[in-house]
Structure formats: structure tokens, C-alpha cells
Amino acid sequence: MSGNTVTRMQLVELLRLRDSGEREFTLIDIREEYELFHGYIPGAINFPLSTFEPETLVGDVILYCQAGVRSEFLLDELTAQGFSGIKHYSGGYIDWVSQSARGG
């Protein structure tokens, strides 16, 4: 696991800190709009990969997609372009839902 990867447990804590005003970051769901039918992580904004404009990124960002593949790809691309403060949730929405269903 790289330093640019966030686990579900870490994301839950970061969201708690953000909600309490102790931490600032943007959670970005890079899935396409049709993929949101099944849901999304609360507090995320949708910015589909197909229309993603990296120059609009401000501050710390956590990316996620369905299973972590696209968000890792985008993270690598942005890092190569010199962007910093960007991480990705490796499990993606699939992990979020499965862990939630198990009470995690």
C-alpha cells in the first residue's frame, strides 16, 4: 500500500474529521453519472473521469471509483504531472458498500 492510498478505515476517520471541521479535503467520485445509480459515498462530489479537468483541483483530494482501478490510474497520471496532495481510496465504492453491509 503506497503513501497515496487510503483504506476504508482511514477514509471513515478523515470524513469524521472533515465533518467536525478538523480537516479539509475534497472526496471525488470519478465514476460516470450512470454508475451513481447504485449510490455513492456520502460527502463526495461526482467528477467523471471522462470529463475530469485536473486544473480545477484545489487542496487535498481523495479520489475513488468503483473498484479502485481508475482512481489509481488517475492518481498516477496526476502525480506524474506534478500534482500533490492527492490520494485514492483503493477499495472504491464496492469496498465501501461491502464493508458497510458487514457493519465495518
PDB file of N, CA and C in Angstrom:
ATOM      1  N   MET A   1       0.851  -1.187   0.000  1.00  0.00           N
ATOM      2  CA  MET A   1       0.000   0.000   0.000  1.00  0.00           C
ATOM      3  C   MET A   1       0.890   1.242   0.000  1.00  0.00           C
ATOM      4  N   SER A   2       0.662   2.109  -0.924  1.00  0.00           N
ATOM      5  CA  SER A   2       1.510   3.292  -1.047  1.00  0.00           C
ATOM      6  C   SER A   2       1.043   4.399  -0.102  1.00  0.00           C
ATOM      7  N   GLY A   3       1.873   5.425   0.018  1.00  0.00           N
ATOM      8  CA  GLY A   3       1.515   6.570   0.844  1.00  0.00           C
ATOM      9  C   GLY A   3       0.388   7.389   0.252  1.00  0.00           C
ATOM     10  N   ASN A   4       0.024   7.097  -0.985  1.00  0.00           N
ATOM     11  CA  ASN A   4      -1.062   7.817  -1.650  1.00  0.00           C
ATOM     12  C   ASN A   4      -2.361   7.026  -1.636  1.00  0.00           C
ATOM     13  N   THR A   5      -2.405   5.964  -0.841  1.00  0.00           N
ATOM     14  CA  THR A   5      -3.581   5.106  -0.778  1.00  0.00           C
ATOM     15  C   THR A   5      -4.270   5.262   0.570  1.00  0.00           C
ATOM     16  N   VAL A   6      -5.589   5.314   0.541  1.00  0.00           N
ATOM     17  CA  VAL A   6      -6.390   5.438   1.747  1.00  0.00           C
ATOM     18  C   VAL A   6      -7.242   4.182   1.876  1.00  0.00           C
ATOM     19  N   THR A   7      -7.257   3.599   3.065  1.00  0.00           N
ATOM     20  CA  THR A   7      -8.119   2.448   3.337  1.00  0.00           C
ATOM     21  C   THR A   7      -9.498   2.937   3.773  1.00  0.00           C
ATOM     22  N   ARG A   8     -10.441   2.024   3.858  1.00  0.00           N
ATOM     23  CA  ARG A   8     -11.783   2.399   4.297  1.00  0.00           C
ATOM     24  C   ARG A   8     -11.735   2.993   5.704  1.00  0.00           C
ATOM     25  N   MET A   9     -11.001   2.339   6.600  1.00  0.00           N
ATOM     26  CA  MET A   9     -10.913   2.823   7.978  1.00  0.00           C
ATOM     27  C   MET A   9     -10.344   4.244   8.021  1.00  0.00           C
ATOM     28  N   GLN A  10      -9.320   4.502   7.224  1.00  0.00           N
ATOM     29  CA  GLN A  10      -8.744   5.842   7.167  1.00  0.00           C
ATOM     30  C   GLN A  10      -9.730   6.845   6.588  1.00  0.00           C
ATOM     31  N   LEU A  11     -10.460   6.439   5.550  1.00  0.00           N
ATOM     32  CA  LEU A  11     -11.435   7.339   4.941  1.00  0.00           C
ATOM     33  C   LEU A  11     -12.553   7.681   5.919  1.00  0.00           C
ATOM     34  N   VAL A  12     -13.025   6.700   6.646  1.00  0.00           N
ATOM     35  CA  VAL A  12     -14.074   6.955   7.647  1.00  0.00           C
ATOM     36  C   VAL A  12     -13.591   7.993   8.652  1.00  0.00           C
ATOM     37  N   GLU A  13     -12.367   7.839   9.127  1.00  0.00           N
ATOM     38  CA  GLU A  13     -11.815   8.797  10.094  1.00  0.00           C
ATOM     39  C   GLU A  13     -11.621  10.174   9.465  1.00  0.00           C
ATOM     40  N   LEU A  14     -11.127  10.223   8.244  1.00  0.00           N
ATOM     41  CA  LEU A  14     -10.954  11.509   7.564  1.00  0.00           C
ATOM     42  C   LEU A  14     -12.290  12.214   7.355  1.00  0.00           C
ATOM     43  N   LEU A  15     -13.319  11.456   6.997  1.00  0.00           N
ATOM     44  CA  LEU A  15     -14.650  12.054   6.836  1.00  0.00           C
ATOM     45  C   LEU A  15     -15.170  12.587   8.165  1.00  0.00           C
ATOM     46  N   ARG A  16     -14.919  11.862   9.258  1.00  0.00           N
ATOM     47  CA  ARG A  16     -15.330  12.323  10.582  1.00  0.00           C
ATOM     48  C   ARG A  16     -14.617  13.633  10.922  1.00  0.00           C
ATOM     49  N   LEU A  17     -13.317  13.674  10.653  1.00  0.00           N
ATOM     50  CA  LEU A  17     -12.552  14.898  10.928  1.00  0.00           C
ATOM     51  C   LEU A  17     -13.026  16.056  10.062  1.00  0.00           C
ATOM     52  N   ARG A  18     -13.347  15.769   8.812  1.00  0.00           N
ATOM     53  CA  ARG A  18     -13.842  16.822   7.919  1.00  0.00           C
ATOM     54  C   ARG A  18     -15.180  17.347   8.416  1.00  0.00           C
ATOM     55  N   ASP A  19     -16.055  16.443   8.824  1.00  0.00           N
ATOM     56  CA  ASP A  19     -17.372  16.850   9.314  1.00  0.00           C
ATOM     57  C   ASP A  19     -17.285  17.699  10.577  1.00  0.00           C
ATOM     58  N   SER A  20     -16.251  17.462  11.387  1.00  0.00           N
ATOM     59  CA  SER A  20     -16.090  18.229  12.624  1.00  0.00           C
ATOM     60  C   SER A  20     -15.269  19.503  12.412  1.00  0.00           C
ATOM     61  N   GLY A  21     -14.813  19.725  11.169  1.00  0.00           N
ATOM     62  CA  GLY A  21     -14.062  20.930  10.857  1.00  0.00           C
ATOM     63  C   GLY A  21     -12.582  20.843  11.184  1.00  0.00           C
ATOM     64  N   GLU A  22     -12.094  19.651  11.531  1.00  0.00           N
ATOM     65  CA  GLU A  22     -10.696  19.487  11.902  1.00  0.00           C
ATOM     66  C   GLU A  22      -9.784  19.182  10.711  1.00  0.00           C
ATOM     67  N   ARG A  23     -10.366  18.885   9.571  1.00  0.00           N
ATOM     68  CA  ARG A  23      -9.584  18.519   8.392  1.00  0.00           C
ATOM     69  C   ARG A  23     -10.339  18.981   7.148  1.00  0.00           C
ATOM     70  N   GLU A  24      -9.602  19.416   6.144  1.00  0.00           N
ATOM     71  CA  GLU A  24     -10.221  19.819   4.880  1.00  0.00           C
ATOM     72  C   GLU A  24      -9.667  18.971   3.749  1.00  0.00           C
ATOM     73  N   PHE A  25     -10.556  18.442   2.948  1.00  0.00           N
ATOM     74  CA  PHE A  25     -10.186  17.734   1.727  1.00  0.00           C
ATOM     75  C   PHE A  25     -11.452  17.565   0.909  1.00  0.00           C
ATOM     76  N   THR A  26     -11.271  17.247  -0.361  1.00  0.00           N
ATOM     77  CA  THR A  26     -12.390  17.001  -1.251  1.00  0.00           C
ATOM     78  C   THR A  26     -12.387  15.529  -1.641  1.00  0.00           C
ATOM     79  N   LEU A  27     -13.518  14.874  -1.463  1.00  0.00           N
ATOM     80  CA  LEU A  27     -13.687  13.482  -1.869  1.00  0.00           C
ATOM     81  C   LEU A  27     -14.356  13.495  -3.236  1.00  0.00           C
ATOM     82  N   ILE A  28     -13.657  12.950  -4.239  1.00  0.00           N
ATOM     83  CA  ILE A  28     -14.151  12.998  -5.609  1.00  0.00           C
ATOM     84  C   ILE A  28     -14.428  11.598  -6.132  1.00  0.00           C
ATOM     85  N   ASP A  29     -15.664  11.384  -6.534  1.00  0.00           N
ATOM     86  CA  ASP A  29     -16.107  10.146  -7.167  1.00  0.00           C
ATOM     87  C   ASP A  29     -15.905  10.326  -8.666  1.00  0.00           C
ATOM     88  N   ILE A  30     -14.979   9.561  -9.253  1.00  0.00           N
ATOM     89  CA  ILE A  30     -14.681   9.752 -10.675  1.00  0.00           C
ATOM     90  C   ILE A  30     -15.475   8.805 -11.572  1.00  0.00           C
ATOM     91  N   ARG A  31     -16.453   8.110 -11.001  1.00  0.00           N
ATOM     92  CA  ARG A  31     -17.295   7.239 -11.824  1.00  0.00           C
ATOM     93  C   ARG A  31     -18.183   8.088 -12.720  1.00  0.00           C
ATOM     94  N   GLU A  32     -18.618   7.482 -13.803  1.00  0.00           N
ATOM     95  CA  GLU A  32     -19.532   8.169 -14.717  1.00  0.00           C
ATOM     96  C   GLU A  32     -20.907   8.290 -14.058  1.00  0.00           C
ATOM     97  N   GLU A  33     -21.709   9.240 -14.521  1.00  0.00           N
ATOM     98  CA  GLU A  33     -23.010   9.501 -13.903  1.00  0.00           C
ATOM     99  C   GLU A  33     -23.900   8.267 -13.842  1.00  0.00           C
ATOM    100  N   TYR A  34     -23.899   7.452 -14.883  1.00  0.00           N
ATOM    101  CA  TYR A  34     -24.760   6.273 -14.881  1.00  0.00           C
ATOM    102  C   TYR A  34     -24.363   5.271 -13.792  1.00  0.00           C
ATOM    103  N   GLU A  35     -23.138   5.337 -13.301  1.00  0.00           N
ATOM    104  CA  GLU A  35     -22.698   4.433 -12.248  1.00  0.00           C
ATOM    105  C   GLU A  35     -23.198   4.846 -10.866  1.00  0.00           C
ATOM    106  N   LEU A  36     -23.686   6.062 -10.734  1.00  0.00           N
ATOM    107  CA  LEU A  36     -24.146   6.558  -9.443  1.00  0.00           C
ATOM    108  C   LEU A  36     -25.515   6.010  -9.066  1.00  0.00           C
ATOM    109  N   PHE A  37     -26.143   5.306  -9.974  1.00  0.00           N
ATOM    110  CA  PHE A  37     -27.460   4.723  -9.740  1.00  0.00           C
ATOM    111  C   PHE A  37     -27.478   3.891  -8.459  1.00  0.00           C
ATOM    112  N   HIS A  38     -26.394   3.184  -8.199  1.00  0.00           N
ATOM    113  CA  HIS A  38     -26.320   2.298  -7.036  1.00  0.00           C
ATOM    114  C   HIS A  38     -25.914   3.019  -5.760  1.00  0.00           C
ATOM    115  N   GLY A  39     -25.503   4.263  -5.873  1.00  0.00           N
ATOM    116  CA  GLY A  39     -25.150   5.036  -4.693  1.00  0.00           C
ATOM    117  C   GLY A  39     -23.762   5.637  -4.787  1.00  0.00           C
ATOM    118  N   TYR A  40     -23.367   6.305  -3.720  1.00  0.00           N
ATOM    119  CA  TYR A  40     -22.077   6.975  -3.651  1.00  0.00           C
ATOM    120  C   TYR A  40     -21.705   7.114  -2.187  1.00  0.00           C
ATOM    121  N   ILE A  41     -20.471   7.477  -1.926  1.00  0.00           N
ATOM    122  CA  ILE A  41     -20.027   7.697  -0.563  1.00  0.00           C
ATOM    123  C   ILE A  41     -20.514   9.079  -0.130  1.00  0.00           C
ATOM    124  N   PRO A  42     -21.217   9.160   0.998  1.00  0.00           N
ATOM    125  CA  PRO A  42     -21.732  10.459   1.461  1.00  0.00           C
ATOM    126  C   PRO A  42     -20.622  11.503   1.573  1.00  0.00           C
ATOM    127  N   GLY A  43     -20.909  12.685   1.091  1.00  0.00           N
ATOM    128  CA  GLY A  43     -19.956  13.782   1.143  1.00  0.00           C
ATOM    129  C   GLY A  43     -19.064  13.893  -0.074  1.00  0.00           C
ATOM    130  N   ALA A  44     -19.241  12.975  -1.032  1.00  0.00           N
ATOM    131  CA  ALA A  44     -18.426  13.009  -2.254  1.00  0.00           C
ATOM    132  C   ALA A  44     -19.088  13.876  -3.309  1.00  0.00           C
ATOM    133  N   ILE A  45     -18.245  14.420  -4.193  1.00  0.00           N
ATOM    134  CA  ILE A  45     -18.769  15.099  -5.365  1.00  0.00           C
ATOM    135  C   ILE A  45     -18.408  14.252  -6.582  1.00  0.00           C
ATOM    136  N   ASN A  46     -19.258  14.265  -7.568  1.00  0.00           N
ATOM    137  CA  ASN A  46     -19.018  13.474  -8.770  1.00  0.00           C
ATOM    138  C   ASN A  46     -18.322  14.336  -9.814  1.00  0.00           C
ATOM    139  N   PHE A  47     -17.189  13.828 -10.282  1.00  0.00           N
ATOM    140  CA  PHE A  47     -16.433  14.473 -11.341  1.00  0.00           C
ATOM    141  C   PHE A  47     -15.941  13.344 -12.241  1.00  0.00           C
ATOM    142  N   PRO A  48     -16.769  12.918 -13.195  1.00  0.00           N
ATOM    143  CA  PRO A  48     -16.457  11.744 -14.015  1.00  0.00           C
ATOM    144  C   PRO A  48     -15.090  11.819 -14.684  1.00  0.00           C
ATOM    145  N   LEU A  49     -14.432  10.685 -14.731  1.00  0.00           N
ATOM    146  CA  LEU A  49     -13.117  10.603 -15.351  1.00  0.00           C
ATOM    147  C   LEU A  49     -13.145  11.107 -16.791  1.00  0.00           C
ATOM    148  N   SER A  50     -14.240  10.846 -17.502  1.00  0.00           N
ATOM    149  CA  SER A  50     -14.326  11.245 -18.914  1.00  0.00           C
ATOM    150  C   SER A  50     -14.317  12.755 -19.117  1.00  0.00           C
ATOM    151  N   THR A  51     -14.654  13.507 -18.082  1.00  0.00           N
ATOM    152  CA  THR A  51     -14.671  14.968 -18.196  1.00  0.00           C
ATOM    153  C   THR A  51     -13.771  15.628 -17.157  1.00  0.00           C
ATOM    154  N   PHE A  52     -12.915  14.844 -16.534  1.00  0.00           N
ATOM    155  CA  PHE A  52     -12.071  15.334 -15.441  1.00  0.00           C
ATOM    156  C   PHE A  52     -11.120  16.420 -15.924  1.00  0.00           C
ATOM    157  N   GLU A  53     -11.064  17.514 -15.184  1.00  0.00           N
ATOM    158  CA  GLU A  53     -10.188  18.641 -15.504  1.00  0.00           C
ATOM    159  C   GLU A  53      -9.281  18.891 -14.303  1.00  0.00           C
ATOM    160  N   PRO A  54      -8.065  18.355 -14.340  1.00  0.00           N
ATOM    161  CA  PRO A  54      -7.188  18.449 -13.172  1.00  0.00           C
ATOM    162  C   PRO A  54      -6.862  19.876 -12.737  1.00  0.00           C
ATOM    163  N   GLU A  55      -6.917  20.806 -13.653  1.00  0.00           N
ATOM    164  CA  GLU A  55      -6.584  22.185 -13.278  1.00  0.00           C
ATOM    165  C   GLU A  55      -7.597  22.783 -12.299  1.00  0.00           C
ATOM    166  N   THR A  56      -8.723  22.131 -12.089  1.00  0.00           N
ATOM    167  CA  THR A  56      -9.714  22.627 -11.135  1.00  0.00           C
ATOM    168  C   THR A  56      -9.459  22.126  -9.713  1.00  0.00           C
ATOM    169  N   LEU A  57      -8.484  21.231  -9.538  1.00  0.00           N
ATOM    170  CA  LEU A  57      -8.204  20.676  -8.214  1.00  0.00           C
ATOM    171  C   LEU A  57      -7.590  21.729  -7.308  1.00  0.00           C
ATOM    172  N   VAL A  58      -8.118  21.801  -6.083  1.00  0.00           N
ATOM    173  CA  VAL A  58      -7.613  22.732  -5.091  1.00  0.00           C
ATOM    174  C   VAL A  58      -7.509  21.988  -3.763  1.00  0.00           C
ATOM    175  N   GLY A  59      -6.385  22.107  -3.102  1.00  0.00           N
ATOM    176  CA  GLY A  59      -6.221  21.494  -1.789  1.00  0.00           C
ATOM    177  C   GLY A  59      -6.055  19.982  -1.868  1.00  0.00           C
ATOM    178  N   ASP A  60      -6.234  19.342  -0.716  1.00  0.00           N
ATOM    179  CA  ASP A  60      -6.109  17.893  -0.630  1.00  0.00           C
ATOM    180  C   ASP A  60      -7.331  17.216  -1.244  1.00  0.00           C
ATOM    181  N   VAL A  61      -7.080  16.122  -1.941  1.00  0.00           N
ATOM    182  CA  VAL A  61      -8.134  15.423  -2.671  1.00  0.00           C
ATOM    183  C   VAL A  61      -7.994  13.921  -2.447  1.00  0.00           C
ATOM    184  N   ILE A  62      -9.122  13.244  -2.289  1.00  0.00           N
ATOM    185  CA  ILE A  62      -9.156  11.788  -2.286  1.00  0.00           C
ATOM    186  C   ILE A  62     -10.076  11.369  -3.423  1.00  0.00           C
ATOM    187  N   LEU A  63      -9.543  10.559  -4.322  1.00  0.00           N
ATOM    188  CA  LEU A  63     -10.284  10.055  -5.477  1.00  0.00           C
ATOM    189  C   LEU A  63     -10.814   8.652  -5.178  1.00  0.00           C
ATOM    190  N   TYR A  64     -11.964   8.324  -5.747  1.00  0.00           N
ATOM    191  CA  TYR A  64     -12.405   6.937  -5.720  1.00  0.00           C
ATOM    192  C   TYR A  64     -13.245   6.644  -6.942  1.00  0.00           C
ATOM    193  N   CYS A  65     -13.332   5.361  -7.268  1.00  0.00           N
ATOM    194  CA  CYS A  65     -14.143   4.895  -8.389  1.00  0.00           C
ATOM    195  C   CYS A  65     -14.896   3.639  -7.928  1.00  0.00           C
ATOM    196  N   GLN A  66     -15.230   2.777  -8.837  1.00  0.00           N
ATOM    197  CA  GLN A  66     -15.985   1.579  -8.480  1.00  0.00           C
ATOM    198  C   GLN A  66     -15.143   0.586  -7.680  1.00  0.00           C
ATOM    199  N   ALA A  67     -13.938   0.289  -8.158  1.00  0.00           N
ATOM    200  CA  ALA A  67     -13.113  -0.739  -7.507  1.00  0.00           C
ATOM    201  C   ALA A  67     -11.684  -0.288  -7.229  1.00  0.00           C
ATOM    202  N   GLY A  68     -11.332   0.926  -7.543  1.00  0.00           N
ATOM    203  CA  GLY A  68     -10.001   1.438  -7.255  1.00  0.00           C
ATOM    204  C   GLY A  68      -9.048   1.469  -8.433  1.00  0.00           C
ATOM    205  N   VAL A  69      -9.437   0.879  -9.550  1.00  0.00           N
ATOM    206  CA  VAL A  69      -8.539   0.816 -10.706  1.00  0.00           C
ATOM    207  C   VAL A  69      -8.409   2.181 -11.375  1.00  0.00           C
ATOM    208  N   ARG A  70      -9.519   2.799 -11.710  1.00  0.00           N
ATOM    209  CA  ARG A  70      -9.479   4.103 -12.382  1.00  0.00           C
ATOM    210  C   ARG A  70      -8.905   5.196 -11.483  1.00  0.00           C
ATOM    211  N   SER A  71      -9.247   5.149 -10.191  1.00  0.00           N
ATOM    212  CA  SER A  71      -8.723   6.184  -9.294  1.00  0.00           C
ATOM    213  C   SER A  71      -7.215   6.050  -9.124  1.00  0.00           C
ATOM    214  N   GLU A  72      -6.700   4.826  -9.108  1.00  0.00           N
ATOM    215  CA  GLU A  72      -5.250   4.638  -9.025  1.00  0.00           C
ATOM    216  C   GLU A  72      -4.580   5.124 -10.314  1.00  0.00           C
ATOM    217  N   PHE A  73      -5.183   4.824 -11.444  1.00  0.00           N
ATOM    218  CA  PHE A  73      -4.668   5.300 -12.732  1.00  0.00           C
ATOM    219  C   PHE A  73      -4.610   6.831 -12.752  1.00  0.00           C
ATOM    220  N   LEU A  74      -5.713   7.477 -12.359  1.00  0.00           N
ATOM    221  CA  LEU A  74      -5.752   8.941 -12.361  1.00  0.00           C
ATOM    222  C   LEU A  74      -4.744   9.507 -11.373  1.00  0.00           C
ATOM    223  N   LEU A  75      -4.627   8.901 -10.211  1.00  0.00           N
ATOM    224  CA  LEU A  75      -3.633   9.333  -9.232  1.00  0.00           C
ATOM    225  C   LEU A  75      -2.231   9.296  -9.833  1.00  0.00           C
ATOM    226  N   ASP A  76      -1.897   8.204 -10.495  1.00  0.00           N
ATOM    227  CA  ASP A  76      -0.575   8.082 -11.122  1.00  0.00           C
ATOM    228  C   ASP A  76      -0.369   9.153 -12.189  1.00  0.00           C
ATOM    229  N   GLU A  77      -1.403   9.401 -12.991  1.00  0.00           N
ATOM    230  CA  GLU A  77      -1.319  10.422 -14.036  1.00  0.00           C
ATOM    231  C   GLU A  77      -1.112  11.816 -13.431  1.00  0.00           C
ATOM    232  N   LEU A  78      -1.882  12.132 -12.402  1.00  0.00           N
ATOM    233  CA  LEU A  78      -1.782  13.456 -11.784  1.00  0.00           C
ATOM    234  C   LEU A  78      -0.444  13.642 -11.088  1.00  0.00           C
ATOM    235  N   THR A  79       0.028  12.597 -10.430  1.00  0.00           N
ATOM    236  CA  THR A  79       1.327  12.658  -9.767  1.00  0.00           C
ATOM    237  C   THR A  79       2.434  12.892 -10.794  1.00  0.00           C
ATOM    238  N   ALA A  80       2.357  12.203 -11.922  1.00  0.00           N
ATOM    239  CA  ALA A  80       3.345  12.371 -12.996  1.00  0.00           C
ATOM    240  C   ALA A  80       3.321  13.801 -13.553  1.00  0.00           C
ATOM    241  N   GLN A  81       2.153  14.445 -13.482  1.00  0.00           N
ATOM    242  CA  GLN A  81       2.023  15.822 -13.969  1.00  0.00           C
ATOM    243  C   GLN A  81       2.440  16.847 -12.918  1.00  0.00           C
ATOM    244  N   GLY A  82       2.833  16.377 -11.739  1.00  0.00           N
ATOM    245  CA  GLY A  82       3.325  17.279 -10.710  1.00  0.00           C
ATOM    246  C   GLY A  82       2.318  17.686  -9.652  1.00  0.00           C
ATOM    247  N   PHE A  83       1.119  17.130  -9.689  1.00  0.00           N
ATOM    248  CA  PHE A  83       0.120  17.442  -8.666  1.00  0.00           C
ATOM    249  C   PHE A  83       0.508  16.765  -7.361  1.00  0.00           C
ATOM    250  N   SER A  84       0.184  17.398  -6.250  1.00  0.00           N
ATOM    251  CA  SER A  84       0.444  16.805  -4.939  1.00  0.00           C
ATOM    252  C   SER A  84      -0.812  16.925  -4.082  1.00  0.00           C
ATOM    253  N   GLY A  85      -0.798  16.275  -2.937  1.00  0.00           N
ATOM    254  CA  GLY A  85      -1.958  16.325  -2.045  1.00  0.00           C
ATOM    255  C   GLY A  85      -3.109  15.459  -2.515  1.00  0.00           C
ATOM    256  N   ILE A  86      -2.818  14.491  -3.385  1.00  0.00           N
ATOM    257  CA  ILE A  86      -3.873  13.637  -3.940  1.00  0.00           C
ATOM    258  C   ILE A  86      -3.650  12.195  -3.493  1.00  0.00           C
ATOM    259  N   LYS A  87      -4.725  11.578  -3.045  1.00  0.00           N
ATOM    260  CA  LYS A  87      -4.709  10.170  -2.648  1.00  0.00           C
ATOM    261  C   LYS A  87      -5.880   9.476  -3.326  1.00  0.00           C
ATOM    262  N   HIS A  88      -5.915   8.142  -3.205  1.00  0.00           N
ATOM    263  CA  HIS A  88      -7.076   7.426  -3.719  1.00  0.00           C
ATOM    264  C   HIS A  88      -7.503   6.355  -2.733  1.00  0.00           C
ATOM    265  N   TYR A  89      -8.799   6.127  -2.700  1.00  0.00           N
ATOM    266  CA  TYR A  89      -9.381   5.080  -1.858  1.00  0.00           C
ATOM    267  C   TYR A  89      -9.320   3.792  -2.662  1.00  0.00           C
ATOM    268  N   SER A  90      -8.425   2.908  -2.249  1.00  0.00           N
ATOM    269  CA  SER A  90      -8.098   1.721  -3.036  1.00  0.00           C
ATOM    270  C   SER A  90      -9.254   0.741  -3.198  1.00  0.00           C
ATOM    271  N   GLY A  91     -10.155   0.685  -2.268  1.00  0.00           N
ATOM    272  CA  GLY A  91     -11.257  -0.274  -2.364  1.00  0.00           C
ATOM    273  C   GLY A  91     -12.406   0.195  -3.227  1.00  0.00           C
ATOM    274  N   GLY A  92     -12.519   1.488  -3.389  1.00  0.00           N
ATOM    275  CA  GLY A  92     -13.595   2.046  -4.195  1.00  0.00           C
ATOM    276  C   GLY A  92     -14.975   1.816  -3.591  1.00  0.00           C
ATOM    277  N   TYR A  93     -15.965   2.136  -4.378  1.00  0.00           N
ATOM    278  CA  TYR A  93     -17.342   2.046  -3.894  1.00  0.00           C
ATOM    279  C   TYR A  93     -17.728   0.613  -3.534  1.00  0.00           C
ATOM    280  N   ILE A  94     -17.195  -0.362  -4.247  1.00  0.00           N
ATOM    281  CA  ILE A  94     -17.507  -1.765  -3.943  1.00  0.00           C
ATOM    282  C   ILE A  94     -17.086  -2.094  -2.514  1.00  0.00           C
ATOM    283  N   ASP A  95     -15.887  -1.689  -2.134  1.00  0.00           N
ATOM    284  CA  ASP A  95     -15.400  -1.945  -0.778  1.00  0.00           C
ATOM    285  C   ASP A  95     -16.234  -1.180   0.245  1.00  0.00           C
ATOM    286  N   TRP A  96     -16.565   0.062  -0.080  1.00  0.00           N
ATOM    287  CA  TRP A  96     -17.362   0.889   0.840  1.00  0.00           C
ATOM    288  C   TRP A  96     -18.686   0.199   1.159  1.00  0.00           C
ATOM    289  N   VAL A  97     -19.361  -0.284   0.145  1.00  0.00           N
ATOM    290  CA  VAL A  97     -20.667  -0.927   0.323  1.00  0.00           C
ATOM    291  C   VAL A  97     -20.519  -2.259   1.060  1.00  0.00           C
ATOM    292  N   SER A  98     -19.541  -3.068   0.670  1.00  0.00           N
ATOM    293  CA  SER A  98     -19.403  -4.380   1.305  1.00  0.00           C
ATOM    294  C   SER A  98     -19.021  -4.249   2.767  1.00  0.00           C
ATOM    295  N   GLN A  99     -18.159  -3.296   3.100  1.00  0.00           N
ATOM    296  CA  GLN A  99     -17.775  -3.081   4.499  1.00  0.00           C
ATOM    297  C   GLN A  99     -18.952  -2.518   5.301  1.00  0.00           C
ATOM    298  N   SER A 100     -19.744  -1.651   4.679  1.00  0.00           N
ATOM    299  CA  SER A 100     -20.910  -1.083   5.360  1.00  0.00           C
ATOM    300  C   SER A 100     -21.931  -2.177   5.667  1.00  0.00           C
ATOM    301  N   ALA A 101     -22.104  -3.090   4.724  1.00  0.00           N
ATOM    302  CA  ALA A 101     -23.065  -4.179   4.896  1.00  0.00           C
ATOM    303  C   ALA A 101     -22.653  -5.100   6.043  1.00  0.00           C
ATOM    304  N   ARG A 102     -21.344  -5.200   6.279  1.00  0.00           N
ATOM    305  CA  ARG A 102     -20.840  -6.050   7.365  1.00  0.00           C
ATOM    306  C   ARG A 102     -20.717  -5.290   8.672  1.00  0.00           C
ATOM    307  N   GLY A 103     -21.111  -4.007   8.645  1.00  0.00           N
ATOM    308  CA  GLY A 103     -21.039  -3.202   9.846  1.00  0.00           C
ATOM    309  C   GLY A 103     -19.678  -2.586  10.097  1.00  0.00           C
ATOM    310  N   GLY A 104     -18.823  -2.594   9.058  1.00  0.00           N
ATOM    311  CA  GLY A 104     -17.458  -2.061   9.218  1.00  0.00           C
ATOM    312  C   GLY A 104     -17.391  -0.717   8.795  1.00  0.00           C
TER     313      GLY A 104
END
